[in-house]
C-alpha cells in the first residue's frame, strides 16, 4: 500500500517538474523572440545600406509583384535554421521584416 502511494507521489512530482520546465522554456523562447523583433524593428524606415552594414550581403534577394525587394538572411544556431526577411521599397528604405526561428 505504501509502495503504491510512493510511486504515485513520485510520478506526480515528475509531472510537475516537466510542466514547470516546459513553461520555463516557453518563456525563454518568447523573451528571445520579443528581443529579436525589437532589434529588427530598429531597421524600419532605415536605408538598405544601413541594413547591409549590420547584416552584410543578403543570402538571397526576391523581387515582389510591386517591384519591392525581399532581402533574405540565413543563420544557424544549435542546428536550427534562422531566416530573416526584410522588404525594401524602390527608394531603398526598409518597410517590413519577418523572422523565423531566430533567437
N, C-alpha and C. Protein backbone atom coordinates (compact mmCIF):
# COMPACT_ATOMS: atom_id res chain seq x y z
N UNK A 1 0.83 -1.20 0.00
CA UNK A 1 0.00 0.00 0.00
C UNK A 1 0.88 1.26 0.00
N UNK A 2 1.89 1.30 0.88
CA UNK A 2 2.76 2.46 0.93
C UNK A 2 3.59 2.60 -0.34
N UNK A 3 3.90 1.46 -0.93
CA UNK A 3 4.68 1.45 -2.17
C UNK A 3 3.91 2.12 -3.30
N UNK A 4 2.61 1.84 -3.40
CA UNK A 4 1.78 2.47 -4.45
C UNK A 4 1.69 3.97 -4.24
N UNK A 5 1.55 4.41 -3.01
CA UNK A 5 1.50 5.85 -2.72
C UNK A 5 2.82 6.52 -3.05
N UNK A 6 3.91 5.83 -2.77
CA UNK A 6 5.22 6.36 -3.11
C UNK A 6 5.37 6.54 -4.61
N UNK A 7 4.97 5.53 -5.39
CA UNK A 7 5.06 5.59 -6.85
C UNK A 7 4.17 6.70 -7.39
N UNK A 8 2.96 6.82 -6.87
CA UNK A 8 2.05 7.90 -7.31
C UNK A 8 2.64 9.27 -7.01
N UNK A 9 3.19 9.42 -5.82
CA UNK A 9 3.82 10.69 -5.45
C UNK A 9 5.01 11.01 -6.33
N UNK A 10 5.80 9.99 -6.62
CA UNK A 10 6.96 10.18 -7.49
C UNK A 10 6.53 10.59 -8.89
N UNK A 11 5.52 9.93 -9.43
CA UNK A 11 5.00 10.27 -10.77
C UNK A 11 4.44 11.68 -10.79
N UNK A 12 3.68 12.04 -9.76
CA UNK A 12 3.11 13.37 -9.68
C UNK A 12 4.21 14.43 -9.63
N UNK A 13 5.25 14.16 -8.83
CA UNK A 13 6.38 15.09 -8.74
C UNK A 13 7.10 15.26 -10.06
N UNK A 14 7.31 14.17 -10.78
CA UNK A 14 7.96 14.24 -12.09
C UNK A 14 7.13 15.02 -13.09
N UNK A 15 5.83 14.82 -13.06
CA UNK A 15 4.94 15.57 -13.97
C UNK A 15 5.02 17.06 -13.67
N UNK A 16 5.01 17.42 -12.40
CA UNK A 16 5.13 18.85 -12.03
C UNK A 16 6.44 19.44 -12.52
N UNK A 17 7.52 18.71 -12.38
CA UNK A 17 8.84 19.19 -12.83
C UNK A 17 8.83 19.38 -14.35
N UNK A 18 8.27 18.42 -15.07
CA UNK A 18 8.23 18.53 -16.53
C UNK A 18 7.38 19.72 -16.99
N UNK A 19 6.23 19.93 -16.35
CA UNK A 19 5.36 21.05 -16.72
C UNK A 19 6.05 22.38 -16.45
N UNK A 20 6.67 22.51 -15.27
CA UNK A 20 7.34 23.77 -14.96
C UNK A 20 8.53 24.00 -15.87
N UNK A 21 9.22 22.92 -16.27
CA UNK A 21 10.34 23.04 -17.21
C UNK A 21 9.88 23.52 -18.56
N UNK A 22 8.75 23.02 -19.04
CA UNK A 22 8.21 23.44 -20.34
C UNK A 22 7.82 24.91 -20.30
N UNK A 23 7.23 25.35 -19.19
CA UNK A 23 6.85 26.76 -19.07
C UNK A 23 8.08 27.65 -19.11
N UNK A 24 9.16 27.21 -18.47
CA UNK A 24 10.41 27.98 -18.46
C UNK A 24 10.97 28.10 -19.87
N UNK A 25 10.99 27.01 -20.61
CA UNK A 25 11.49 27.03 -21.98
C UNK A 25 10.62 27.93 -22.84
N UNK A 26 9.31 27.81 -22.72
CA UNK A 26 8.39 28.65 -23.49
C UNK A 26 8.63 30.12 -23.20
N UNK A 27 8.80 30.47 -21.93
CA UNK A 27 9.04 31.87 -21.56
C UNK A 27 10.35 32.36 -22.16
N UNK A 28 11.40 31.54 -22.12
CA UNK A 28 12.69 31.95 -22.69
C UNK A 28 12.59 32.16 -24.19
N UNK A 29 11.87 31.28 -24.89
CA UNK A 29 11.69 31.43 -26.34
C UNK A 29 10.89 32.69 -26.63
N UNK A 30 9.82 32.93 -25.86
CA UNK A 30 9.01 34.14 -26.07
C UNK A 30 9.84 35.40 -25.83
N UNK A 31 10.66 35.39 -24.78
CA UNK A 31 11.50 36.55 -24.48
C UNK A 31 12.52 36.79 -25.60
N UNK A 32 13.12 35.71 -26.09
CA UNK A 32 14.11 35.83 -27.17
C UNK A 32 13.45 36.33 -28.45
N UNK A 33 12.24 35.85 -28.74
CA UNK A 33 11.52 36.29 -29.94
C UNK A 33 11.17 37.78 -29.84
N UNK A 34 10.77 38.20 -28.66
CA UNK A 34 10.44 39.62 -28.46
C UNK A 34 11.69 40.48 -28.66
N UNK A 35 12.80 40.02 -28.11
CA UNK A 35 14.07 40.76 -28.25
C UNK A 35 14.49 40.84 -29.72
N UNK A 36 14.34 39.74 -30.44
CA UNK A 36 14.65 39.70 -31.87
C UNK A 36 13.79 40.70 -32.64
N UNK A 37 12.50 40.70 -32.35
CA UNK A 37 11.58 41.61 -33.03
C UNK A 37 11.93 43.08 -32.74
N UNK A 38 12.28 43.36 -31.49
CA UNK A 38 12.68 44.73 -31.13
C UNK A 38 13.93 45.15 -31.89
N UNK A 39 14.90 44.23 -32.00
CA UNK A 39 16.14 44.54 -32.71
C UNK A 39 15.86 44.81 -34.19
N UNK A 40 15.06 43.94 -34.82
CA UNK A 40 14.80 44.10 -36.25
C UNK A 40 13.93 45.32 -36.54
N UNK A 41 13.06 45.68 -35.62
CA UNK A 41 12.20 46.85 -35.86
C UNK A 41 13.00 48.15 -35.91
N UNK A 42 14.22 48.14 -35.38
CA UNK A 42 15.04 49.35 -35.45
C UNK A 42 15.47 49.66 -36.89
N UNK A 43 15.38 48.66 -37.78
CA UNK A 43 15.77 48.88 -39.17
C UNK A 43 14.62 49.42 -40.03
N UNK A 44 13.40 49.44 -39.49
CA UNK A 44 12.29 50.00 -40.25
C UNK A 44 12.55 51.48 -40.52
N UNK A 45 12.28 51.90 -41.73
CA UNK A 45 12.49 53.28 -42.20
C UNK A 45 13.97 53.65 -42.33
N UNK A 46 14.85 52.66 -42.22
CA UNK A 46 16.28 52.89 -42.45
C UNK A 46 16.60 52.48 -43.88
N UNK A 47 17.78 52.85 -44.34
CA UNK A 47 18.15 52.52 -45.72
C UNK A 47 18.66 51.09 -45.84
N UNK A 48 18.64 50.60 -47.05
CA UNK A 48 19.18 49.28 -47.34
C UNK A 48 20.66 49.23 -46.97
N UNK A 49 21.37 50.33 -47.20
CA UNK A 49 22.81 50.39 -46.88
C UNK A 49 23.04 50.19 -45.38
N UNK A 50 22.19 50.80 -44.55
CA UNK A 50 22.33 50.64 -43.10
C UNK A 50 22.06 49.18 -42.69
N UNK A 51 21.09 48.57 -43.33
CA UNK A 51 20.78 47.16 -43.07
C UNK A 51 21.99 46.28 -43.42
N UNK A 52 22.60 46.56 -44.57
CA UNK A 52 23.74 45.76 -45.01
C UNK A 52 24.97 45.97 -44.14
N UNK A 53 25.09 47.13 -43.52
CA UNK A 53 26.20 47.35 -42.58
C UNK A 53 26.09 46.38 -41.42
N UNK A 54 24.87 46.16 -40.95
CA UNK A 54 24.65 45.25 -39.82
C UNK A 54 24.69 43.78 -40.22
N UNK A 55 24.02 43.42 -41.33
CA UNK A 55 23.86 42.02 -41.69
C UNK A 55 24.73 41.55 -42.86
N UNK A 56 25.33 42.48 -43.56
CA UNK A 56 26.16 42.11 -44.70
C UNK A 56 25.33 41.86 -45.95
N UNK A 57 25.96 41.21 -46.91
CA UNK A 57 25.30 40.89 -48.17
C UNK A 57 24.22 39.83 -47.91
N UNK A 58 23.01 40.02 -48.45
CA UNK A 58 21.96 39.02 -48.23
C UNK A 58 22.29 37.70 -48.91
N UNK A 59 21.77 36.63 -48.35
CA UNK A 59 21.96 35.30 -48.93
C UNK A 59 21.10 35.10 -50.17
N UNK A 60 20.01 35.85 -50.23
CA UNK A 60 19.08 35.68 -51.35
C UNK A 60 18.27 36.97 -51.47
N UNK A 61 17.91 37.34 -52.70
CA UNK A 61 17.07 38.52 -52.94
C UNK A 61 15.90 38.10 -53.83
N UNK A 62 14.68 38.43 -53.37
CA UNK A 62 13.47 38.17 -54.15
C UNK A 62 12.90 39.51 -54.60
N UNK A 63 12.21 39.50 -55.73
CA UNK A 63 11.51 40.70 -56.19
C UNK A 63 10.02 40.40 -56.13
N UNK A 64 9.26 41.29 -55.48
CA UNK A 64 7.82 41.09 -55.34
C UNK A 64 7.09 41.62 -56.57
N UNK A 65 5.80 41.38 -56.61
CA UNK A 65 4.98 41.85 -57.73
C UNK A 65 4.98 43.37 -57.84
N UNK A 66 5.09 44.06 -56.72
CA UNK A 66 5.08 45.53 -56.75
C UNK A 66 6.49 46.12 -56.86
N UNK A 67 7.45 45.28 -57.27
CA UNK A 67 8.84 45.68 -57.52
C UNK A 67 9.66 45.96 -56.27
N UNK A 68 9.10 45.69 -55.08
CA UNK A 68 9.91 45.76 -53.87
C UNK A 68 10.83 44.56 -53.84
N UNK A 69 11.90 44.66 -53.08
CA UNK A 69 12.83 43.55 -52.94
C UNK A 69 12.76 42.99 -51.53
N UNK A 70 12.89 41.68 -51.42
CA UNK A 70 12.97 41.00 -50.14
C UNK A 70 14.40 40.51 -49.98
N UNK A 71 15.10 41.05 -48.98
CA UNK A 71 16.47 40.62 -48.69
C UNK A 71 16.38 39.53 -47.63
N UNK A 72 16.92 38.36 -47.95
CA UNK A 72 16.81 37.20 -47.08
C UNK A 72 18.18 36.87 -46.51
N UNK A 73 18.23 36.73 -45.20
CA UNK A 73 19.46 36.37 -44.49
C UNK A 73 19.22 35.06 -43.73
N UNK A 74 20.16 34.14 -43.87
CA UNK A 74 20.09 32.87 -43.16
C UNK A 74 21.19 32.81 -42.11
N UNK A 75 20.86 32.21 -41.00
CA UNK A 75 21.82 32.00 -39.92
C UNK A 75 21.45 30.67 -39.27
N UNK A 76 22.32 30.14 -38.48
CA UNK A 76 22.02 28.86 -37.85
C UNK A 76 22.64 28.81 -36.47
N UNK A 77 21.82 28.44 -35.47
CA UNK A 77 22.28 28.26 -34.10
C UNK A 77 21.74 26.93 -33.61
N UNK A 78 22.58 26.15 -33.01
CA UNK A 78 22.17 24.85 -32.47
C UNK A 78 21.48 24.00 -33.53
N UNK A 79 21.96 24.08 -34.77
CA UNK A 79 21.42 23.34 -35.92
C UNK A 79 19.99 23.73 -36.26
N UNK A 80 19.54 24.91 -35.78
CA UNK A 80 18.23 25.44 -36.13
C UNK A 80 18.45 26.56 -37.13
N UNK A 81 17.80 26.46 -38.29
CA UNK A 81 17.99 27.44 -39.35
C UNK A 81 17.12 28.67 -39.08
N UNK A 82 17.78 29.81 -38.98
CA UNK A 82 17.13 31.09 -38.75
C UNK A 82 17.00 31.81 -40.09
N UNK A 83 15.85 32.43 -40.32
CA UNK A 83 15.63 33.18 -41.55
C UNK A 83 15.08 34.56 -41.21
N UNK A 84 15.77 35.59 -41.68
CA UNK A 84 15.32 36.98 -41.52
C UNK A 84 15.06 37.54 -42.91
N UNK A 85 13.88 38.16 -43.06
CA UNK A 85 13.48 38.72 -44.35
C UNK A 85 13.13 40.19 -44.16
N UNK A 86 13.72 41.03 -44.98
CA UNK A 86 13.46 42.47 -44.94
C UNK A 86 12.91 42.92 -46.29
N UNK A 87 11.80 43.65 -46.27
CA UNK A 87 11.25 44.19 -47.53
C UNK A 87 11.77 45.61 -47.70
N UNK A 88 12.32 45.86 -48.88
CA UNK A 88 12.90 47.17 -49.21
C UNK A 88 12.14 47.74 -50.40
N UNK A 89 11.67 48.98 -50.27
CA UNK A 89 10.91 49.60 -51.37
C UNK A 89 11.84 50.18 -52.44
N UNK A 90 11.24 50.81 -53.46
CA UNK A 90 12.05 51.32 -54.57
C UNK A 90 12.87 52.57 -54.21
N UNK A 91 12.65 53.12 -53.02
CA UNK A 91 13.51 54.22 -52.53
C UNK A 91 14.62 53.67 -51.62
N UNK A 92 14.79 52.33 -51.61
CA UNK A 92 15.82 51.66 -50.81
C UNK A 92 15.62 51.84 -49.30
N UNK A 93 14.36 51.88 -48.88
CA UNK A 93 14.01 52.00 -47.46
C UNK A 93 13.37 50.70 -46.99
N UNK A 94 13.79 50.23 -45.81
CA UNK A 94 13.22 49.01 -45.23
C UNK A 94 11.81 49.34 -44.73
N UNK A 95 10.83 48.58 -45.24
CA UNK A 95 9.44 48.88 -44.87
C UNK A 95 8.77 47.73 -44.08
N UNK A 96 9.40 46.56 -44.04
CA UNK A 96 8.83 45.44 -43.29
C UNK A 96 9.91 44.41 -43.02
N UNK A 97 9.65 43.55 -42.05
CA UNK A 97 10.57 42.46 -41.75
C UNK A 97 9.78 41.26 -41.24
N UNK A 98 10.43 40.11 -41.31
CA UNK A 98 9.87 38.87 -40.78
C UNK A 98 11.04 38.03 -40.31
N UNK A 99 10.83 37.29 -39.24
CA UNK A 99 11.90 36.48 -38.67
C UNK A 99 11.33 35.12 -38.26
N UNK A 100 12.05 34.04 -38.64
CA UNK A 100 11.61 32.69 -38.26
C UNK A 100 12.76 31.94 -37.60
N UNK A 101 12.48 31.36 -36.47
CA UNK A 101 13.43 30.52 -35.74
C UNK A 101 14.70 31.25 -35.31
N UNK A 102 14.61 32.54 -35.11
CA UNK A 102 15.78 33.32 -34.71
C UNK A 102 15.65 33.71 -33.23
N UNK A 103 16.65 33.37 -32.47
CA UNK A 103 16.66 33.76 -31.06
C UNK A 103 18.08 33.86 -30.57
